[in-house]
Protein backbone atom coordinates (compact mmCIF):
# COMPACT_ATOMS: atom_id res chain seq x y z
CA MET A 1 99.68 87.65 115.22
CA ALA A 2 96.45 89.45 116.07
CA VAL A 3 93.97 90.05 113.25
CA ASP A 4 90.87 92.23 113.47
CA ASP A 5 89.18 94.73 111.21
CA THR A 6 88.93 97.15 114.13
CA VAL A 7 92.20 98.71 115.30
CA SER A 8 90.90 99.31 118.83
CA ASN A 9 90.26 95.56 119.19
CA LEU A 10 93.83 94.90 118.12
CA ASP A 11 95.06 97.30 120.79
CA ILE A 12 93.05 95.44 123.46
CA LEU A 13 94.33 92.03 122.34
CA SER A 14 97.91 93.26 122.26
CA GLU A 15 97.56 94.59 125.79
CA PHE A 16 96.32 91.20 127.04
CA LEU A 17 99.15 89.47 125.18
CA LYS A 18 101.85 91.93 126.23
CA SER A 19 104.14 89.13 127.41
CA TYR A 20 104.39 88.01 123.75
CA ILE A 21 105.62 89.73 120.63
CA VAL A 22 102.38 90.51 118.80
CA ILE A 23 102.14 91.45 115.15
CA GLU A 24 98.92 93.35 114.48
CA THR A 25 97.13 93.33 111.13
CA THR A 26 93.72 94.07 109.71
CA SER A 27 94.33 91.68 106.79
CA GLY A 28 93.13 88.10 107.14
CA LYS A 29 95.36 87.10 104.21
CA GLU A 30 98.45 87.78 106.33
CA ALA A 31 97.30 85.25 108.94
CA LEU A 32 96.70 82.29 106.64
CA ASN A 33 99.93 80.43 107.64
CA VAL A 34 99.54 80.54 111.43
CA PRO A 35 97.13 78.76 113.83
CA ILE A 36 93.96 80.82 114.05
CA ILE A 37 92.03 81.36 117.27
CA PHE A 38 88.67 82.89 116.47
CA ILE A 39 87.48 85.51 118.98
CA THR A 40 83.90 86.49 118.23
CA THR A 41 80.49 87.26 119.67
CA LYS A 42 78.97 84.47 117.59
CA ASN A 43 78.29 81.46 119.81
CA ASP A 44 75.85 79.47 117.68
CA GLU A 45 76.73 75.96 116.57
CA ASN A 46 76.88 76.84 112.86
CA SER A 47 79.40 79.66 113.40
CA ILE A 48 81.60 77.47 115.58
CA GLU A 49 81.52 74.60 113.07
CA LYS A 50 82.27 76.98 110.19
CA ALA A 51 85.31 78.38 112.03
CA TYR A 52 86.75 74.91 112.58
CA ASP A 53 85.88 73.85 109.01
CA MET A 54 87.83 76.88 107.77
CA GLY A 55 90.89 75.64 109.65
CA GLY A 56 90.55 77.43 112.96
CA ALA A 57 92.69 76.02 115.77
CA ASP A 58 90.45 77.30 118.59
CA TYR A 59 87.36 79.42 119.25
CA ILE A 60 86.69 81.94 122.02
CA THR A 61 83.47 83.88 122.47
CA LYS A 62 83.28 87.51 123.58
CA PRO A 63 83.40 88.72 126.20
CA PHE A 64 86.41 86.55 126.95
CA LEU A 65 88.46 86.14 130.10
CA PRO A 66 92.06 87.32 129.77
CA LYS A 67 93.36 84.13 131.43
CA GLU A 68 91.37 82.04 128.95
CA LEU A 69 92.93 83.92 126.02
CA LEU A 70 96.44 83.57 127.42
CA SER A 71 95.93 79.87 128.12
CA ARG A 72 94.74 79.13 124.60
CA VAL A 73 97.52 81.18 122.99
CA LYS A 74 100.09 79.37 125.13
CA LYS A 75 98.59 76.01 124.11
CA GLU A 76 98.87 76.87 120.41
CA LEU A 77 102.45 78.10 120.79
CA ASN A 78 103.39 74.84 122.51
CA ILE A 79 101.95 72.79 119.66
């Protein structure tokens, strides 16, 4: 599942994850029962800690490398 409030970002993520079945949504509520990988421009310690405190499974900062994204998604799917 890919969640973002910007549809164009969802399109980009889905393209990178095209080897998977991706469900796109702009609603965070729909993603509450799956592992969450935060992808954000925020790279300060407080933002990272907050993401993990909120239950995030992983954290990637933008701009991200496609191989990094695929690797972290694969890791979460294997767990």
